């Protein structure tokens, strides 16, 4: 079967477990942030979408909003996941 995803799967499996944990949760947060951005633009909260689409280059503000939402929500999801890791106490 193989295909395009085989090398990506090998790279993913070669990463340390904590790095995979952080990347997975950051990706989930980025997806959630972008979903929220799409919903905000779709519902046109406070006329933001109207202002963006009326501009000369609407790609720039959308890209800037997408980057901001990705950084904020990706970082928050990764941080929340790290804070919820359970560590075993060795009886100290």
N, C-alpha and C. Protein backbone atom coordinates (compact mmCIF):
# COMPACT_ATOMS: atom_id res chain seq x y z
N UNK A 1 0.84 -1.18 0.00
CA UNK A 1 0.00 0.00 0.00
C UNK A 1 0.88 1.24 0.00
N UNK A 2 1.66 1.48 1.05
CA UNK A 2 2.65 2.56 1.07
C UNK A 2 2.06 3.90 0.72
N UNK A 3 2.66 4.53 -0.26
CA UNK A 3 2.16 5.81 -0.73
C UNK A 3 2.86 6.97 -0.05
N UNK A 4 2.20 8.10 -0.12
CA UNK A 4 2.75 9.36 0.35
C UNK A 4 2.91 9.38 1.87
N UNK A 5 1.99 8.78 2.59
CA UNK A 5 1.97 8.93 4.05
C UNK A 5 2.91 7.99 4.78
N UNK A 6 3.49 7.03 4.09
CA UNK A 6 4.41 6.11 4.76
C UNK A 6 5.63 6.82 5.34
N UNK A 7 6.33 7.70 4.59
CA UNK A 7 7.46 8.41 5.21
C UNK A 7 7.01 9.32 6.36
N UNK A 8 5.85 9.94 6.22
CA UNK A 8 5.36 10.79 7.30
C UNK A 8 5.07 9.97 8.56
N UNK A 9 4.52 8.78 8.37
CA UNK A 9 4.24 7.92 9.52
C UNK A 9 5.54 7.50 10.20
N UNK A 10 6.58 7.22 9.41
CA UNK A 10 7.87 6.85 9.99
C UNK A 10 8.49 8.00 10.77
N UNK A 11 8.38 9.20 10.22
CA UNK A 11 8.90 10.38 10.93
C UNK A 11 8.11 10.60 12.21
N UNK A 12 6.78 10.46 12.13
CA UNK A 12 5.94 10.65 13.32
C UNK A 12 6.31 9.66 14.41
N UNK A 13 6.50 8.39 14.03
CA UNK A 13 6.83 7.36 15.02
C UNK A 13 8.24 7.54 15.59
N UNK A 14 9.12 8.22 14.85
CA UNK A 14 10.49 8.40 15.34
C UNK A 14 10.60 9.55 16.34
N UNK A 15 9.57 10.39 16.43
CA UNK A 15 9.60 11.51 17.38
C UNK A 15 9.42 11.00 18.80
N UNK A 16 10.01 11.67 19.77
CA UNK A 16 9.77 11.28 21.17
C UNK A 16 8.29 11.42 21.53
N UNK A 17 7.86 10.63 22.49
CA UNK A 17 6.44 10.58 22.85
C UNK A 17 5.92 11.93 23.32
N UNK A 18 6.70 12.68 24.08
CA UNK A 18 6.25 13.98 24.57
C UNK A 18 6.09 14.98 23.42
N UNK A 19 6.97 14.93 22.44
CA UNK A 19 6.86 15.83 21.28
C UNK A 19 5.59 15.50 20.50
N UNK A 20 5.32 14.21 20.29
CA UNK A 20 4.09 13.82 19.60
C UNK A 20 2.86 14.28 20.39
N UNK A 21 2.92 14.16 21.71
CA UNK A 21 1.83 14.60 22.59
C UNK A 21 1.56 16.10 22.39
N UNK A 22 2.63 16.89 22.41
CA UNK A 22 2.47 18.34 22.27
C UNK A 22 1.98 18.72 20.87
N UNK A 23 2.53 18.09 19.84
CA UNK A 23 2.11 18.41 18.48
C UNK A 23 0.65 18.04 18.24
N UNK A 24 0.24 16.90 18.75
CA UNK A 24 -1.15 16.48 18.58
C UNK A 24 -2.11 17.46 19.25
N UNK A 25 -1.82 17.84 20.48
CA UNK A 25 -2.72 18.76 21.18
C UNK A 25 -2.66 20.18 20.61
N UNK A 26 -1.50 20.60 20.14
CA UNK A 26 -1.42 21.91 19.48
C UNK A 26 -2.23 21.90 18.19
N UNK A 27 -2.18 20.81 17.44
CA UNK A 27 -2.95 20.72 16.19
C UNK A 27 -4.45 20.74 16.48
N UNK A 28 -4.86 20.09 17.55
CA UNK A 28 -6.28 20.13 17.93
C UNK A 28 -6.69 21.55 18.29
N UNK A 29 -5.83 22.27 19.02
CA UNK A 29 -6.13 23.66 19.38
C UNK A 29 -6.16 24.57 18.17
N UNK A 30 -5.25 24.35 17.24
CA UNK A 30 -5.23 25.16 16.01
C UNK A 30 -6.52 24.94 15.22
N UNK A 31 -6.93 23.68 15.12
CA UNK A 31 -8.18 23.39 14.42
C UNK A 31 -9.38 24.04 15.08
N UNK A 32 -9.42 24.00 16.41
CA UNK A 32 -10.51 24.64 17.14
C UNK A 32 -10.49 26.16 16.94
N UNK A 33 -9.30 26.75 16.95
CA UNK A 33 -9.20 28.19 16.74
C UNK A 33 -9.65 28.60 15.35
N UNK A 34 -9.25 27.83 14.35
CA UNK A 34 -9.67 28.15 12.98
C UNK A 34 -11.16 27.94 12.79
N UNK A 35 -11.71 26.93 13.47
CA UNK A 35 -13.16 26.73 13.40
C UNK A 35 -13.89 27.93 14.01
N UNK A 36 -13.40 28.43 15.13
CA UNK A 36 -14.00 29.60 15.75
C UNK A 36 -13.87 30.83 14.83
N UNK A 37 -12.72 30.97 14.18
CA UNK A 37 -12.54 32.09 13.25
C UNK A 37 -13.53 32.01 12.10
N UNK A 38 -13.70 30.83 11.54
CA UNK A 38 -14.67 30.66 10.45
C UNK A 38 -16.07 31.01 10.92
N UNK A 39 -16.43 30.58 12.12
CA UNK A 39 -17.76 30.89 12.65
C UNK A 39 -17.92 32.39 12.89
N UNK A 40 -16.87 33.04 13.38
CA UNK A 40 -16.94 34.49 13.59
C UNK A 40 -17.10 35.25 12.28
N UNK A 41 -16.37 34.80 11.26
CA UNK A 41 -16.50 35.47 9.96
C UNK A 41 -17.83 35.14 9.29
N UNK A 42 -18.31 33.93 9.48
CA UNK A 42 -19.57 33.52 8.86
C UNK A 42 -20.74 34.27 9.47
N UNK A 43 -20.72 34.46 10.79
CA UNK A 43 -21.82 35.17 11.45
C UNK A 43 -21.64 36.68 11.41
N UNK A 44 -20.50 37.14 10.93
CA UNK A 44 -20.21 38.57 10.76
C UNK A 44 -20.41 39.35 12.06
N UNK A 45 -19.72 38.91 13.11
CA UNK A 45 -19.81 39.55 14.41
C UNK A 45 -19.28 40.98 14.31
N UNK A 46 -20.10 41.93 14.72
CA UNK A 46 -19.77 43.36 14.69
C UNK A 46 -19.32 43.86 13.32
N UNK A 47 -19.71 43.19 12.25
CA UNK A 47 -19.39 43.63 10.90
C UNK A 47 -17.95 43.41 10.50
N UNK A 48 -17.23 42.56 11.19
CA UNK A 48 -15.81 42.33 10.88
C UNK A 48 -15.66 41.71 9.50
N UNK A 49 -16.47 40.71 9.18
CA UNK A 49 -16.36 40.06 7.88
C UNK A 49 -16.69 41.04 6.75
N UNK A 50 -17.66 41.91 6.98
CA UNK A 50 -18.01 42.91 5.96
C UNK A 50 -16.83 43.83 5.69
N UNK A 51 -16.15 44.25 6.75
CA UNK A 51 -14.97 45.10 6.57
C UNK A 51 -13.85 44.36 5.85
N UNK A 52 -13.65 43.10 6.20
CA UNK A 52 -12.57 42.33 5.58
C UNK A 52 -12.84 42.14 4.10
N UNK A 53 -14.06 41.69 3.75
CA UNK A 53 -14.35 41.41 2.34
C UNK A 53 -14.43 42.67 1.50
N UNK A 54 -14.66 43.83 2.12
CA UNK A 54 -14.71 45.09 1.38
C UNK A 54 -13.32 45.67 1.15
N UNK A 55 -12.30 45.14 1.78
CA UNK A 55 -10.95 45.69 1.63
C UNK A 55 -10.36 45.29 0.29
N UNK A 56 -9.26 45.96 -0.06
CA UNK A 56 -8.60 45.69 -1.35
C UNK A 56 -7.96 44.31 -1.38
N UNK A 57 -7.41 43.87 -0.27
CA UNK A 57 -6.79 42.54 -0.21
C UNK A 57 -7.29 41.82 1.04
N UNK A 58 -8.40 41.10 0.93
CA UNK A 58 -8.96 40.43 2.11
C UNK A 58 -8.12 39.25 2.60
N UNK A 59 -7.19 38.77 1.79
CA UNK A 59 -6.38 37.61 2.20
C UNK A 59 -5.46 37.98 3.36
N UNK A 60 -4.94 39.19 3.38
CA UNK A 60 -4.01 39.60 4.43
C UNK A 60 -4.66 39.61 5.82
N UNK A 61 -5.80 40.29 6.02
CA UNK A 61 -6.39 40.25 7.36
C UNK A 61 -6.86 38.85 7.77
N UNK A 62 -7.33 38.06 6.81
CA UNK A 62 -7.75 36.69 7.15
C UNK A 62 -6.54 35.87 7.57
N UNK A 63 -5.42 36.02 6.86
CA UNK A 63 -4.20 35.30 7.22
C UNK A 63 -3.68 35.74 8.59
N UNK A 64 -3.75 37.04 8.87
CA UNK A 64 -3.29 37.52 10.17
C UNK A 64 -4.19 37.02 11.30
N UNK A 65 -5.49 37.01 11.07
CA UNK A 65 -6.41 36.47 12.08
C UNK A 65 -6.18 34.97 12.26
N UNK A 66 -5.97 34.24 11.17
CA UNK A 66 -5.74 32.80 11.25
C UNK A 66 -4.46 32.51 12.03
N UNK A 67 -3.41 33.29 11.79
CA UNK A 67 -2.16 33.08 12.52
C UNK A 67 -2.35 33.38 14.02
N UNK A 68 -3.03 34.44 14.32
CA UNK A 68 -3.27 34.79 15.72
C UNK A 68 -4.11 33.75 16.45
N UNK A 69 -5.17 33.28 15.79
CA UNK A 69 -6.01 32.26 16.40
C UNK A 69 -5.24 30.95 16.55
N UNK A 70 -4.39 30.61 15.57
CA UNK A 70 -3.62 29.37 15.64
C UNK A 70 -2.63 29.41 16.80
N UNK A 71 -1.92 30.52 16.94
CA UNK A 71 -0.94 30.64 18.02
C UNK A 71 -1.64 30.61 19.38
N UNK A 72 -2.73 31.35 19.51
CA UNK A 72 -3.42 31.44 20.79
C UNK A 72 -4.04 30.10 21.19
N UNK A 73 -4.85 29.53 20.31
CA UNK A 73 -5.56 28.31 20.66
C UNK A 73 -4.65 27.10 20.66
N UNK A 74 -3.67 27.05 19.76
CA UNK A 74 -2.72 25.94 19.77
C UNK A 74 -1.89 25.92 21.03
N UNK A 75 -1.41 27.08 21.44
CA UNK A 75 -0.62 27.17 22.66
C UNK A 75 -1.45 26.87 23.89
N UNK A 76 -2.69 27.34 23.91
CA UNK A 76 -3.55 27.09 25.07
C UNK A 76 -3.90 25.61 25.18
N UNK A 77 -4.16 24.96 24.06
CA UNK A 77 -4.51 23.53 24.10
C UNK A 77 -3.31 22.70 24.53
N UNK A 78 -2.12 23.02 24.01
CA UNK A 78 -0.92 22.28 24.41
C UNK A 78 -0.61 22.51 25.89
N UNK A 79 -0.74 23.74 26.35
CA UNK A 79 -0.47 24.04 27.76
C UNK A 79 -1.47 23.34 28.68
N UNK A 80 -2.74 23.35 28.29
CA UNK A 80 -3.76 22.68 29.11
C UNK A 80 -3.51 21.17 29.16
N UNK A 81 -3.08 20.61 28.04
CA UNK A 81 -2.79 19.17 28.01
C UNK A 81 -1.61 18.83 28.91
N UNK A 82 -0.59 19.68 28.91
CA UNK A 82 0.58 19.43 29.77
C UNK A 82 0.18 19.55 31.24
N UNK A 83 -0.66 20.52 31.56
CA UNK A 83 -1.06 20.70 32.95
C UNK A 83 -1.95 19.58 33.46
N UNK A 84 -2.58 18.84 32.56
CA UNK A 84 -3.44 17.74 32.99
C UNK A 84 -2.74 16.39 32.99
N UNK A 85 -1.44 16.35 32.70
CA UNK A 85 -0.70 15.10 32.78
C UNK A 85 -0.60 14.67 34.23
N UNK A 86 -0.88 13.40 34.48
CA UNK A 86 -0.78 12.88 35.83
C UNK A 86 0.61 12.27 36.03
N UNK A 87 1.26 12.69 37.09
CA UNK A 87 2.56 12.14 37.46
C UNK A 87 2.38 11.31 38.70
N UNK A 88 3.08 10.17 38.75
CA UNK A 88 3.01 9.33 39.92
C UNK A 88 3.99 9.83 40.96
N UNK A 89 3.51 9.90 42.20
CA UNK A 89 4.35 10.32 43.30
C UNK A 89 5.07 9.09 43.85
N UNK A 90 6.38 9.17 43.98
CA UNK A 90 7.19 8.04 44.45
C UNK A 90 7.22 7.94 45.97
N UNK A 91 6.32 8.61 46.65
CA UNK A 91 6.26 8.54 48.11
C UNK A 91 7.19 9.50 48.80
N UNK A 92 7.59 10.56 48.13
CA UNK A 92 8.49 11.54 48.74
C UNK A 92 7.77 12.38 49.77
